Every structure is written in structure tokens, then in C-alpha cells.
Amino acid sequence: MTTANPHAVIRQQISLLHYAPAMVLLLIVVADSAQFPDTDLWGHLRFGQAAIANGHLAHLDPYSYSAAGALWRNHEWLSEIVMAAFYNAFGVVGLKLWKFTSVATTIILMALCASETAASPAIQLNTLALAAVAMVPQNQFRPQIFTFMMFSALLALLTRDNYRGRAPLWLVIPLMALWGNLHGGFIVGIATLAAYAAVAGLQDLITGRGLARALRLSLIAIAGTLATLVSPYGIDAWRVVLNALKDYAAQPIIADWQPLISAIARGWHTNPAATVFFLCGLLMMLAFIVAFVREPQGEDLPLVAIAMMMTVAAFTALRNLPLAMIACVAPLARHAELIAGRRCGVQSPSIDAREVDTAANAHARSGVTSWFAASIAAVLAVVGGLFSTRLVVGPDSPVGAVAFMNRYQLHGNLLSNFGDGEYLIWHLPDSRIFIDGRYDTVYPSKVVDQYLAFINGRPDASHVLSAYPHDYVLLPADSPALRVMARAPEWKLIYRDGNWMLFARSDSPAAKIPGVPITAPALAASYFP
């Protein structure tokens, strides 16, 4: 199905994929440069491996004791199977190949979006560069990579429909069906389709063009929305995602859920260099808003509405910043070109084919520039570890404590940080954990609230120690919960290093290991897994 857009103006396309492919490659390498494992990577791989080995999905949780047998609505199941398949076949190299391919697809689709605007190569390149840099921290080994790819594919279709007047929008239906099984970000796709149909329909209504196109777009939006129900979980996947979007108790302690300005302020004090990525994103969103205010007549109001929606979402939660970058690329390039055209006395960015081969474009296509950009991309890929068979695991992971437990064959129920839960699931397969990163797909709110009370050392924290059959408690060396453990004589410290402290019940065999508490030096780093 195609939809005729009466507002579209056919323009000469200028694609960076043709004029500056080496620069696009460089931006892909930059966007993919975060080569470190997210704390949930171990869990994603373990869950995917279990599904492959068993030939079916686990619908009841087998990994925890606080929610043993609870319904597990894993809306990321297909992503985890894909990740596990790459890892099973090629190890760490497979994971890097998967991530690089996903990031490359996203950047290429964003370049296609920019090309539909007929903006100059310089404007397209600068817009894409800002977006690529801003997306670096979130381009991790996580299922959200698929949401970035699906969102950019959806916008590529909508951008073409808006600027060209026609696009194969029937592809939205299988795209949304696939997205609904890859990651909970499909809810963004639903909101995007609704916004595009609503604004386009309102435009046509105001200009007297009727509602025919609005009805077609609405049907596509409805069909795409219903397609997300084609999954093992059906409507339950929607419930999980919508519950995660609420003012959930665990959100304040999850970095991705922090407001953008708060993340920038916090990063400026702890790691100023890391704020460069967020500042690039902030600059791009502000540039988009300024460009639209200065030149609002771009025949792309539906795309502007989507970009505005994603910009608000990015300011609300850091995890939405890549979505804002993807959404802003086309309208920013379009309106920046309008501003540039007005300064040069040009009424529209419609570009004659004879004007395409300007000196700037010729320079962008020159062999020297291409080889230079490709060389930089190769150097960055090597230095950044793209071709390495290793992934560095930071010192914050409980590597030493886990090694201690495995050395003495200690296993049982383990209370620890939810952020390290999936690391523990991988490395301690004979143990069960209290909580992990699946706080929104497995654990009831009662368990999350109790965990937060304990880990923050609240007055009712001691109740959590007595309410569950914990065998071990593993805490960071600076955790407020250590005050609770100090007041609990039934628990004994058996291991400590510079980063972690491990406790066992005072009457357990683990508490009688000779020489406890064992003190070990903190490990600077290790390698995945």
C-alpha cells in the first residue's frame, strides 16, 4: 500500500551513500565504538542459549528465589536468541559482528532519511555526524540496538512518503510484527505511526484535501499496531512495556531512566569527557528546534511532530536520546537547508542536477578524501577493539567474589545488586538470585520495593533479611546495606576485596571455611565472559 502525499515536492536526491560512502563508514565505526559489555549481556546470552537448547521459551522464571515460578513475559526473546546464536557460533567476535551490523544498518537508514530532504551533502554529513556521536553510549550489546534499527527503518519509510509523496508503507506491518518480538521499544513505533497519521490527516483537513490519505495512514497504523500482538505473549507484551514506562520504583537507580539534564550534570562532575556524547545530542535537538522555528515551512510537519515527541522523550529519560537523534536527522537537515537556501537567495532546496557537481561535492567524492576517511575508520576500529577477540569487563563486576564462591563450591540463594544479577546467573548456574535486570518482566512490585529498602539501608531493611531464605549476601564495598549487615549477628563476612563483600549465615559451612574472611586485592579488569 502506498499513500499519496499532496504536500510532497519531488526533489533531486543527494545521498551520502553515493557521494561520501567512506565518511558514512567512518560514522558507523564511531557510532559502534562502545565496545564494553552491558551488565545485562550475560543474562541475554544465557536466556537465548536456554531457548535454543530447549527448543522453546521459558514462560516461568527458573533463575530467582524471590519470584520462583513467576510468569516471565520476555518481550526480548527473539533478540536474545539472535545474540546467543552469534555468540555460540563465533564467540565474542560474533557479538561484535552482530552489533556492528546493527549499528551500520541504523546509520545507513538514517543517511537514507537525510537524502530524502535534498539537503546539501555538507548539511547531511554534519547532521549525521552529530547523531552518530550522541548515540555512542547507548549502542551497547543490548536488544535496544534492534529498536534503533527498526525505528530508523520506520522513519525511512515515513520520510520517503512525506518528501516523495509515495512509499511502500505496507512494509510497516511486517516491520512492526518483527519489532514486537525483538524489543519493547515497539511501543515507540506505535506512537510514531499514530503521530504521523494524525498530523498528516489534520494537515489535509485544514487545507481542504479531505480525509482519504488520513484514513489510509490510519489503517496502516492500526494494522502495524495489531501486528505487534503476533508474539508468544500477545497483549501481555504491551502490559509489560507500559508498566515499565510508568513511574516505576526502580527507575531512579537505573542510569538510562535519568533525565538528560541530570545525566549531563552528574557526568560533568564524575567523568566530564563522557558528557561530550550527551552534549552532542543536546546540541542536535536544540539545532532542530531553532531550524524549525526559523524556517517552519518545510512540508514535513508530520516528521517534525515525531522529532518533537522524541525530543521531549529524550529530555525525560536518557535512554530515549538515540531515538531523538534518529527522528531529528531528516527535519533538521531539511530546515537547515531551507535556511541556507534563504541566505543564498534560493526559495527551495530543489536542486538541479547540474548543480550537484559543485566543488564541495566533488571534494566529498574525491579519492583522497575517501581513502583518508576509510583509513581513519580502520584505525578507530582497531584501536577501539572492533577486531579484538576480547571484551573488557570493568572492575565493578564481582569477579573476585564469584571466583571465591566457585573455588569453594558455594551455591544457594544469593541476595545482591539487581544490576549484577544476570552476571551472577551466568557464572553461578547452581545458585538462585534475589533480583536481576528483569525487574519489569518477572518480579512483582513487592520484591522490587523490598530490594530497594534493603539496598538503600532503610529502617525496614532488616525485615528483608528475615523474610527470604537467603544463603549469601553480596554487596558493593560502598553499599548503604552494609550498615544493615553490621547489625545482623546471624551473618558473617567470608570474603572481601576492594570492591565487594560477601556474607554467609554464621551457622553455615561457608562461615567455617579456614581463614575467613578472606581478603583479596581488587581486580582492575577481566575479560568477558
Protein backbone atom coordinates (compact mmCIF):
# COMPACT_ATOMS: atom_id res chain seq x y z
CA MET A 1 0.00 0.00 0.00
CA THR A 2 1.23 3.49 -0.87
CA THR A 3 -0.17 6.81 0.24
CA ALA A 4 -0.16 9.85 -1.98
CA ASN A 5 1.07 12.88 -0.05
CA PRO A 6 -0.33 16.08 -1.57
CA HIS A 7 2.26 18.18 0.29
CA ALA A 8 5.24 16.37 -1.23
CA VAL A 9 7.55 18.09 -3.69
CA ILE A 10 9.77 15.91 -5.87
CA ARG A 11 13.40 16.94 -5.41
CA GLN A 12 16.75 15.84 -6.65
CA GLN A 13 18.11 13.31 -4.19
CA ILE A 14 21.65 13.71 -2.86
CA SER A 15 22.71 10.62 -0.94
CA LEU A 16 25.79 10.40 1.24
CA LEU A 17 25.88 6.71 0.38
CA HIS A 18 26.82 7.80 -3.15
CA TYR A 19 28.80 10.99 -2.56
CA ALA A 20 30.66 10.13 0.63
CA PRO A 21 30.45 6.40 1.43
CA ALA A 22 33.79 6.44 3.24
CA MET A 23 32.52 9.19 5.55
CA VAL A 24 29.42 7.13 6.27
CA LEU A 25 31.69 4.18 7.10
CA LEU A 26 33.68 6.40 9.46
CA LEU A 27 30.49 7.49 11.24
CA ILE A 28 29.41 3.85 11.56
CA VAL A 29 32.71 2.98 13.25
CA VAL A 30 32.35 5.98 15.56
CA ALA A 31 28.77 5.06 16.49
CA ASP A 32 29.85 1.47 17.17
CA SER A 33 32.91 2.41 19.24
CA ALA A 34 31.45 1.47 22.66
CA GLN A 35 32.99 -2.00 22.96
CA PHE A 36 32.16 -2.97 26.53
CA PRO A 37 29.60 -5.42 27.94
CA ASP A 38 26.44 -4.09 29.50
CA THR A 39 25.59 -5.62 32.87
CA ASP A 40 22.63 -7.47 31.31
CA LEU A 41 24.64 -9.05 28.47
CA TRP A 42 25.29 -12.24 30.44
CA GLY A 43 21.60 -12.71 31.03
CA HIS A 44 20.58 -12.03 27.45
CA LEU A 45 23.01 -14.67 26.24
CA ARG A 46 22.06 -17.21 28.90
CA PHE A 47 18.34 -16.79 28.22
CA GLY A 48 18.88 -17.07 24.46
CA GLN A 49 21.09 -20.13 24.85
CA ALA A 50 18.47 -21.80 27.05
CA ALA A 51 15.76 -21.17 24.44
CA ILE A 52 17.96 -22.61 21.68
CA ALA A 53 18.96 -25.65 23.77
CA ASN A 54 15.42 -26.39 24.98
CA GLY A 55 13.67 -25.62 21.72
CA HIS A 56 11.12 -23.42 23.47
CA LEU A 57 10.81 -20.32 25.64
CA ALA A 58 10.68 -20.43 29.43
CA HIS A 59 7.34 -18.98 30.47
CA LEU A 60 8.04 -19.39 34.22
CA ASP A 61 11.14 -17.92 35.82
CA PRO A 62 13.78 -20.55 36.74
CA TYR A 63 16.52 -18.18 37.94
CA SER A 64 15.24 -16.43 41.08
CA TYR A 65 14.03 -17.47 44.52
CA SER A 66 12.14 -14.28 45.37
CA ALA A 67 9.81 -14.84 42.41
CA ALA A 68 10.33 -18.56 41.77
CA GLY A 69 7.95 -19.84 39.15
CA ALA A 70 6.59 -16.36 38.41
CA LEU A 71 5.23 -15.65 34.95
CA TRP A 72 8.07 -14.44 32.71
CA ARG A 73 6.90 -12.27 29.81
CA ASN A 74 10.13 -11.87 27.89
CA HIS A 75 9.37 -9.42 25.08
CA GLU A 76 13.07 -9.51 24.06
CA TRP A 77 13.09 -13.25 23.40
CA LEU A 78 13.95 -13.06 19.69
CA SER A 79 16.79 -10.59 20.28
CA GLU A 80 18.27 -12.93 22.86
CA ILE A 81 18.08 -15.90 20.51
CA VAL A 82 19.84 -13.90 17.78
CA MET A 83 22.53 -12.73 20.22
CA ALA A 84 23.04 -16.25 21.57
CA ALA A 85 23.25 -17.70 18.05
CA PHE A 86 26.02 -15.24 17.09
CA TYR A 87 27.86 -15.93 20.35
CA ASN A 88 27.51 -19.71 20.08
CA ALA A 89 28.84 -19.64 16.52
CA PHE A 90 31.63 -17.06 16.75
CA GLY A 91 32.13 -16.11 20.41
CA VAL A 92 32.95 -12.51 21.25
CA VAL A 93 33.72 -11.82 17.59
CA GLY A 94 30.16 -12.86 16.77
CA LEU A 95 28.76 -10.41 19.29
CA LYS A 96 30.84 -7.61 17.81
CA LEU A 97 29.78 -8.58 14.29
CA TRP A 98 26.13 -8.54 15.33
CA LYS A 99 26.42 -5.12 16.96
CA PHE A 100 28.43 -3.61 14.13
CA THR A 101 25.93 -4.86 11.53
CA SER A 102 23.01 -3.49 13.54
CA VAL A 103 24.63 -0.08 14.07
CA ALA A 104 25.69 0.08 10.41
CA THR A 105 22.12 -0.65 9.30
CA THR A 106 20.80 2.10 11.57
CA ILE A 107 23.29 4.71 10.32
CA ILE A 108 22.66 3.79 6.67
CA LEU A 109 18.91 4.11 7.15
CA MET A 110 19.44 7.48 8.82
CA ALA A 111 21.53 8.55 5.82
CA LEU A 112 18.66 7.50 3.55
CA CYS A 113 16.29 9.63 5.63
CA ALA A 114 18.59 12.64 5.23
CA SER A 115 18.90 12.08 1.48
CA GLU A 116 15.13 12.43 1.04
CA THR A 117 15.35 16.06 2.18
CA ALA A 118 17.57 17.12 -0.76
CA ALA A 119 19.83 18.93 1.68
CA SER A 120 23.43 19.52 0.65
CA PRO A 121 25.99 16.80 1.42
CA ALA A 122 27.65 19.09 3.97
CA ILE A 123 24.42 19.59 5.93
CA GLN A 124 23.56 15.90 5.76
CA LEU A 125 27.04 14.88 6.87
CA ASN A 126 27.16 17.27 9.83
CA THR A 127 23.68 16.23 10.94
CA LEU A 128 24.53 12.54 10.70
CA ALA A 129 27.85 13.08 12.49
CA LEU A 130 26.20 14.75 15.48
CA ALA A 131 23.68 11.92 15.71
CA ALA A 132 26.34 9.20 15.43
CA VAL A 133 28.44 10.68 18.24
CA ALA A 134 25.43 11.20 20.51
CA MET A 135 24.35 7.56 20.07
CA VAL A 136 27.69 6.03 21.12
CA PRO A 137 26.89 5.37 24.83
CA GLN A 138 23.58 3.62 24.06
CA ASN A 139 24.92 1.49 21.19
CA GLN A 140 25.72 -1.37 23.54
CA PHE A 141 25.40 -5.15 23.37
CA ARG A 142 21.72 -4.98 24.22
CA PRO A 143 18.39 -5.73 22.48
CA GLN A 144 17.69 -1.98 22.29
CA ILE A 145 20.04 -1.98 19.27
CA PHE A 146 17.18 -3.59 17.37
CA THR A 147 14.81 -0.79 18.39
CA PHE A 148 17.20 1.79 16.93
CA MET A 149 17.32 -0.19 13.70
CA MET A 150 13.55 -0.75 13.49
CA PHE A 151 12.83 2.89 14.31
CA SER A 152 15.22 4.14 11.63
CA ALA A 153 13.64 1.74 9.11
CA LEU A 154 10.15 3.00 10.00
CA LEU A 155 11.26 6.62 9.64
CA ALA A 156 12.95 5.84 6.32
CA LEU A 157 9.54 4.75 5.02
CA LEU A 158 7.71 7.72 6.51
CA THR A 159 10.36 10.19 5.33
CA ARG A 160 10.09 8.88 1.80
CA ASP A 161 6.30 9.09 1.98
CA ASN A 162 6.47 12.66 3.24
CA TYR A 163 9.05 14.11 0.83
CA ARG A 164 8.41 11.99 -2.27
CA GLY A 165 4.68 11.53 -1.92
CA ARG A 166 4.70 7.75 -2.16
CA ALA A 167 6.32 4.90 -0.24
CA PRO A 168 5.66 1.16 0.22
CA LEU A 169 4.09 1.66 3.62
CA TRP A 170 2.70 -1.88 3.60
CA LEU A 171 6.19 -2.82 4.84
CA VAL A 172 5.21 -1.24 8.16
CA ILE A 173 3.13 -4.30 9.01
CA PRO A 174 5.87 -6.99 8.88
CA LEU A 175 8.34 -4.50 10.36
CA MET A 176 6.12 -3.94 13.41
CA ALA A 177 5.47 -7.68 13.77
CA LEU A 178 9.22 -8.30 13.86
CA TRP A 179 9.84 -5.35 16.20
CA GLY A 180 7.22 -6.63 18.65
CA ASN A 181 9.31 -9.77 19.18
CA LEU A 182 12.70 -8.06 19.38
CA HIS A 183 12.33 -5.34 21.99
CA GLY A 184 9.75 -3.42 23.98
CA GLY A 185 10.64 -0.29 22.04
CA PHE A 186 7.93 -1.30 19.56
CA ILE A 187 5.68 0.99 21.61
CA VAL A 188 7.67 3.89 20.09
CA GLY A 189 6.76 2.60 16.65
CA ILE A 190 3.07 2.60 17.56
CA ALA A 191 3.29 6.18 18.85
CA THR A 192 5.20 7.24 15.72
CA LEU A 193 2.62 5.77 13.35
CA ALA A 194 -0.21 7.39 15.32
CA ALA A 195 1.51 10.80 15.32
CA TYR A 196 2.29 10.65 11.59
CA ALA A 197 -1.27 9.67 10.65
CA ALA A 198 -2.84 12.26 12.98
CA VAL A 199 -0.70 15.23 11.89
CA ALA A 200 -0.87 14.32 8.19
CA GLY A 201 -4.64 13.93 8.43
CA LEU A 202 -5.02 17.24 10.26
CA GLN A 203 -2.90 18.95 7.60
CA ASP A 204 -5.08 17.58 4.81
CA LEU A 205 -8.25 18.53 6.65
CA ILE A 206 -7.10 22.13 7.22
CA THR A 207 -6.02 22.54 3.58
CA GLY A 208 -9.29 21.09 2.25
CA ARG A 209 -7.78 17.93 0.76
CA GLY A 210 -10.15 15.60 2.53
CA LEU A 211 -9.52 12.61 4.75
CA ALA A 212 -8.71 9.90 2.21
CA ARG A 213 -4.97 9.88 2.95
CA ALA A 214 -5.59 10.13 6.69
CA LEU A 215 -7.81 7.07 6.54
CA ARG A 216 -5.18 5.09 4.62
CA LEU A 217 -2.47 6.11 7.08
CA SER A 218 -4.75 5.25 10.00
CA LEU A 219 -5.40 1.80 8.59
CA ILE A 220 -1.65 1.25 8.26
CA ALA A 221 -1.12 2.46 11.82
CA ILE A 222 -3.84 0.14 13.13
CA ALA A 223 -2.52 -2.82 11.15
CA GLY A 224 1.03 -2.12 12.35
CA THR A 225 -0.18 -1.89 15.95
CA LEU A 226 -2.10 -5.17 15.72
CA ALA A 227 0.95 -6.82 14.13
CA THR A 228 2.87 -6.36 17.40
CA LEU A 229 0.42 -8.80 19.01
CA VAL A 230 1.81 -11.62 16.85
CA SER A 231 4.17 -12.88 19.53
CA PRO A 232 4.29 -15.64 22.15
CA TYR A 233 2.98 -13.16 24.72
CA GLY A 234 0.30 -11.29 22.78
CA ILE A 235 -1.20 -8.39 24.70
CA ASP A 236 0.90 -9.25 27.77
CA ALA A 237 3.94 -7.78 26.00
CA TRP A 238 2.10 -4.44 25.86
CA ARG A 239 1.31 -4.65 29.58
CA VAL A 240 4.96 -5.24 30.45
CA VAL A 241 6.18 -2.32 28.34
CA LEU A 242 3.50 0.08 29.58
CA ASN A 243 4.27 -0.91 33.16
CA ALA A 244 7.97 -0.13 32.58
CA LEU A 245 7.04 3.32 31.26
CA LYS A 246 5.16 4.21 34.44
CA ASP A 247 6.75 5.95 37.40
CA TYR A 248 8.32 2.68 38.45
CA ALA A 249 10.13 2.38 41.79
CA ALA A 250 13.35 1.03 40.23
CA GLN A 251 13.74 3.79 37.67
CA PRO A 252 15.59 6.26 39.94
CA ILE A 253 18.52 3.83 40.33
CA ILE A 254 18.77 2.97 36.62
CA ALA A 255 21.10 5.31 34.72
CA ASP A 256 19.14 5.01 31.46
CA TRP A 257 15.98 6.33 33.10
CA GLN A 258 17.58 9.54 34.37
CA PRO A 259 16.56 12.86 32.77
CA LEU A 260 19.05 14.10 30.18
CA ILE A 261 19.99 17.30 32.01
CA SER A 262 20.53 15.38 35.26
CA ALA A 263 22.75 12.89 33.44
CA ILE A 264 24.82 15.71 31.95
CA ALA A 265 25.18 17.44 35.34
CA ARG A 266 26.15 14.21 37.09
CA GLY A 267 28.57 13.21 34.33
CA TRP A 268 30.22 16.63 34.39
CA HIS A 269 31.29 16.02 37.98
CA THR A 270 32.23 12.34 37.68
CA ASN A 271 33.52 11.96 34.11
CA PRO A 272 33.47 15.21 32.10
CA ALA A 273 34.77 13.56 28.91
CA ALA A 274 31.75 11.25 28.76
CA THR A 275 29.36 14.20 28.66
CA VAL A 276 30.57 15.03 25.14
CA PHE A 277 28.17 12.44 23.75
CA PHE A 278 25.19 13.85 25.62
CA LEU A 279 26.14 17.42 24.73
CA CYS A 280 26.20 16.47 21.04
CA GLY A 281 22.70 15.10 21.42
CA LEU A 282 21.56 18.23 23.22
CA LEU A 283 23.11 20.41 20.51
CA MET A 284 21.36 18.46 17.77
CA MET A 285 17.95 18.72 19.40
CA LEU A 286 18.37 22.44 20.02
CA ALA A 287 19.56 22.93 16.43
CA PHE A 288 16.47 21.10 15.18
CA ILE A 289 14.15 23.31 17.24
CA VAL A 290 15.92 26.53 16.16
CA ALA A 291 15.94 25.49 12.49
CA PHE A 292 12.23 24.70 12.56
CA VAL A 293 11.34 27.98 14.30
CA ARG A 294 13.37 29.98 11.77
CA GLU A 295 12.02 28.10 8.72
CA PRO A 296 8.76 26.36 9.64
CA GLN A 297 7.59 25.86 6.04
CA GLY A 298 9.27 22.59 5.18
CA GLU A 299 6.31 20.47 4.03
CA ASP A 300 7.22 17.96 6.71
CA LEU A 301 5.06 18.77 9.71
CA PRO A 302 4.33 15.07 10.49
CA LEU A 303 8.08 14.34 10.71
CA VAL A 304 8.61 17.47 12.81
CA ALA A 305 5.90 16.28 15.21
CA ILE A 306 7.64 12.91 15.59
CA ALA A 307 11.00 14.59 16.18
CA MET A 308 9.43 16.88 18.79
CA MET A 309 7.84 13.91 20.52
CA MET A 310 11.16 12.06 20.66
CA THR A 311 12.99 15.19 21.82
CA VAL A 312 10.64 15.51 24.79
CA ALA A 313 11.15 11.80 25.49
CA ALA A 314 14.95 12.26 25.43
CA PHE A 315 14.82 15.07 27.96
CA THR A 316 12.61 12.86 30.14
CA ALA A 317 14.86 9.77 30.02
CA LEU A 318 18.41 9.36 28.74
CA ARG A 319 17.59 6.01 27.14
CA ASN A 320 15.47 7.84 24.53
CA LEU A 321 18.33 10.04 23.28
CA PRO A 322 19.20 7.76 20.30
CA LEU A 323 15.55 7.76 19.26
CA ALA A 324 15.57 11.56 19.27
CA MET A 325 18.74 11.56 17.14
CA ILE A 326 17.17 9.25 14.59
CA ALA A 327 13.95 11.30 14.49
CA CYS A 328 15.73 14.67 14.18
CA VAL A 329 18.04 13.79 11.28
CA ALA A 330 15.62 14.40 8.41
CA PRO A 331 13.76 17.50 9.67
CA LEU A 332 16.99 19.13 10.87
CA ALA A 333 18.67 18.56 7.50
CA ARG A 334 15.57 19.82 5.67
CA HIS A 335 15.12 23.03 7.63
CA ALA A 336 18.84 23.76 7.81
CA GLU A 337 18.90 23.54 4.01
CA LEU A 338 15.96 25.94 3.82
CA ILE A 339 17.86 28.42 5.99
CA ALA A 340 20.97 28.03 3.84
CA GLY A 341 18.89 28.46 0.69
CA ARG A 342 17.28 31.63 2.00
CA ARG A 343 20.69 33.12 2.74
CA CYS A 344 21.77 32.34 -0.81
CA GLY A 345 18.56 33.71 -2.26
CA VAL A 346 17.15 30.30 -3.18
CA GLN A 347 13.45 29.76 -2.50
CA SER A 348 13.52 25.97 -2.21
CA PRO A 349 16.13 23.30 -1.77
CA SER A 350 15.09 21.77 -5.08
CA ILE A 351 18.44 21.11 -6.69
CA ASP A 352 19.10 20.97 -10.39
CA ALA A 353 21.21 18.01 -11.46
CA ARG A 354 23.77 20.41 -12.96
CA GLU A 355 24.31 21.97 -9.52
CA VAL A 356 25.09 18.68 -7.82
CA ASP A 357 28.68 18.52 -9.01
CA THR A 358 29.81 21.60 -7.15
CA ALA A 359 33.34 21.87 -5.87
CA ALA A 360 32.22 20.81 -2.40
CA ASN A 361 30.53 17.68 -3.71
CA ALA A 362 33.45 16.83 -5.92
CA HIS A 363 35.73 17.17 -2.91
CA ALA A 364 33.44 14.93 -0.89
CA ARG A 365 33.69 12.29 -3.59
CA SER A 366 37.40 12.62 -4.22
CA GLY A 367 39.57 9.57 -3.87
CA VAL A 368 41.89 11.33 -1.44
CA THR A 369 39.07 12.20 0.93
CA SER A 370 37.60 8.71 0.68
CA TRP A 371 40.89 6.99 1.38
CA PHE A 372 41.60 9.34 4.26
CA ALA A 373 38.18 8.74 5.84
CA ALA A 374 38.45 4.98 5.30
CA SER A 375 41.92 4.96 6.88
CA ILE A 376 40.69 6.83 9.96
CA ALA A 377 37.77 4.39 10.20
CA ALA A 378 40.17 1.43 10.07
CA VAL A 379 42.44 2.93 12.74
CA LEU A 380 39.50 3.71 15.04
CA ALA A 381 38.12 0.21 14.55
CA VAL A 382 41.44 -1.38 15.52
CA VAL A 383 42.14 0.95 18.45
CA GLY A 384 38.55 0.67 19.67
CA GLY A 385 38.75 -3.12 19.76
CA LEU A 386 36.31 -3.96 16.95
CA PHE A 387 38.56 -6.76 15.69
CA SER A 388 39.66 -7.95 19.14
CA THR A 389 38.50 -11.32 20.43
CA ARG A 390 38.13 -9.81 23.90
CA LEU A 391 35.63 -7.65 25.72
CA VAL A 392 36.95 -5.90 28.82
CA VAL A 393 34.82 -6.35 31.92
CA GLY A 394 35.17 -3.40 34.30
CA PRO A 395 36.26 -3.67 37.93
CA ASP A 396 32.70 -3.03 39.13
CA SER A 397 31.69 -6.62 38.35
CA PRO A 398 32.01 -9.12 41.25
CA VAL A 399 34.70 -11.16 39.52
CA GLY A 400 36.72 -11.96 42.65
CA ALA A 401 33.70 -12.85 44.79
CA VAL A 402 32.35 -15.19 42.11
CA ALA A 403 35.76 -16.85 41.76
CA PHE A 404 35.82 -17.36 45.55
CA MET A 405 32.37 -18.96 45.52
CA ASN A 406 33.30 -21.28 42.66
CA ARG A 407 36.61 -22.23 44.31
CA TYR A 408 34.84 -23.38 47.48
CA GLN A 409 31.77 -24.69 45.61
CA LEU A 410 29.43 -22.32 47.39
CA HIS A 411 25.96 -22.18 45.91
CA GLY A 412 22.48 -21.32 47.09
CA ASN A 413 20.22 -18.27 47.26
CA LEU A 414 22.15 -15.06 46.69
CA LEU A 415 20.99 -11.52 47.51
CA SER A 416 22.93 -8.91 45.56
CA ASN A 417 22.61 -5.84 43.34
CA PHE A 418 19.95 -6.20 40.67
CA GLY A 419 22.39 -4.73 38.15
CA ASP A 420 24.76 -7.66 38.66
CA GLY A 421 22.05 -10.30 38.85
CA GLU A 422 22.46 -11.54 35.29
CA TYR A 423 26.25 -11.70 35.67
CA LEU A 424 25.61 -13.99 38.65
CA ILE A 425 23.06 -16.06 36.71
CA TRP A 426 25.74 -16.78 34.11
CA HIS A 427 28.65 -17.51 36.47
CA LEU A 428 26.74 -19.27 39.27
CA PRO A 429 24.35 -21.59 37.42
CA ASP A 430 23.70 -23.72 40.54
CA SER A 431 22.58 -20.71 42.56
CA ARG A 432 19.44 -18.61 42.51
CA ILE A 433 19.37 -14.83 42.75
CA PHE A 434 17.04 -12.46 44.57
CA ILE A 435 16.65 -9.94 41.76
CA ASP A 436 18.18 -9.01 38.42
CA GLY A 437 17.65 -6.66 35.46
CA ARG A 438 14.32 -8.27 34.57
CA TYR A 439 12.60 -6.17 37.22
CA ASP A 440 9.81 -5.28 34.77
CA THR A 441 9.23 -8.72 33.19
CA VAL A 442 9.44 -11.10 36.18
CA TYR A 443 9.48 -9.50 39.61
CA PRO A 444 6.35 -8.21 41.37
CA SER A 445 6.49 -4.68 42.73
CA LYS A 446 6.65 -6.03 46.29
CA VAL A 447 10.00 -7.69 45.62
CA VAL A 448 11.38 -4.57 43.93
CA ASP A 449 10.27 -2.39 46.85
CA GLN A 450 11.83 -4.76 49.36
CA TYR A 451 15.07 -4.86 47.43
CA LEU A 452 15.23 -1.05 47.33
CA ALA A 453 14.55 -0.88 51.07
CA PHE A 454 17.43 -3.26 51.75
CA ILE A 455 19.98 -1.93 49.31
CA ASN A 456 19.41 1.64 50.50
CA GLY A 457 19.66 0.67 54.17
CA ARG A 458 16.18 1.85 55.10
CA PRO A 459 14.68 1.18 58.57
CA ASP A 460 12.71 -1.84 57.31
CA ALA A 461 15.76 -3.35 55.56
CA SER A 462 16.36 -5.96 58.27
CA HIS A 463 12.94 -7.44 57.51
CA VAL A 464 14.18 -8.38 54.03
CA LEU A 465 16.96 -10.47 55.58
CA SER A 466 14.48 -12.47 57.64
CA ALA A 467 11.68 -12.72 55.08
CA TYR A 468 13.51 -14.82 52.49
CA PRO A 469 15.76 -17.91 52.61
CA HIS A 470 18.98 -16.14 51.65
CA ASP A 471 22.17 -18.18 51.84
CA TYR A 472 24.58 -15.42 50.81
CA VAL A 473 24.59 -11.64 50.55
CA LEU A 474 26.96 -9.97 48.09
CA LEU A 475 27.30 -6.19 48.29
CA PRO A 476 29.49 -3.44 46.86
CA ALA A 477 32.06 -2.16 49.36
CA ASP A 478 30.29 1.22 49.50
CA SER A 479 26.71 -0.06 49.74
CA PRO A 480 24.41 1.52 52.40
CA ALA A 481 23.14 -2.01 53.03
CA LEU A 482 26.43 -2.82 54.79
CA ARG A 483 25.06 -0.95 57.81
CA VAL A 484 22.24 -3.48 57.91
CA MET A 485 24.67 -6.39 57.73
CA ALA A 486 26.77 -4.92 60.56
CA ARG A 487 23.71 -5.10 62.83
CA ALA A 488 22.89 -8.71 61.86
CA PRO A 489 24.87 -11.18 64.05
CA GLU A 490 23.40 -14.12 62.16
CA TRP A 491 25.52 -13.12 59.16
CA LYS A 492 29.30 -13.39 58.84
CA LEU A 493 31.68 -11.77 56.37
CA ILE A 494 33.57 -14.51 54.49
CA TYR A 495 35.18 -12.64 51.58
CA ARG A 496 36.15 -9.10 50.74
CA ASP A 497 38.15 -7.23 48.13
CA GLY A 498 38.42 -3.58 47.25
CA ASN A 499 35.01 -3.58 45.53
CA TRP A 500 32.84 -6.34 47.03
CA MET A 501 31.95 -8.02 50.33
CA LEU A 502 30.39 -11.49 50.60
CA PHE A 503 28.42 -12.67 53.65
CA ALA A 504 27.17 -16.11 54.65
CA ARG A 505 24.96 -17.26 57.50
CA SER A 506 27.00 -17.60 60.68
CA ASP A 507 25.93 -21.21 61.22
CA SER A 508 26.60 -22.31 57.62
CA PRO A 509 29.57 -24.42 56.40
CA ALA A 510 30.76 -21.41 54.39
CA ALA A 511 31.25 -19.41 57.60
CA LYS A 512 33.61 -22.14 58.85
CA ILE A 513 35.99 -22.01 55.90
CA PRO A 514 39.51 -21.66 57.39
CA GLY A 515 40.83 -18.13 57.32
CA VAL A 516 37.58 -16.31 56.65
CA PRO A 517 37.10 -13.54 55.98
CA ILE A 518 39.40 -13.98 53.01
CA THR A 519 40.80 -10.64 51.87
CA ALA A 520 41.81 -10.35 48.22
CA PRO A 521 43.06 -7.42 46.16
CA ALA A 522 40.55 -5.76 43.87
CA LEU A 523 40.84 -6.83 40.24
CA ALA A 524 41.47 -3.95 37.86
CA ALA A 525 39.65 -5.65 34.96
CA SER A 526 38.93 -9.00 33.40
CA TYR A 527 37.57 -10.26 30.10
CA PHE A 528 34.15 -11.43 29.01
CA PRO A 529 32.52 -13.71 29.95
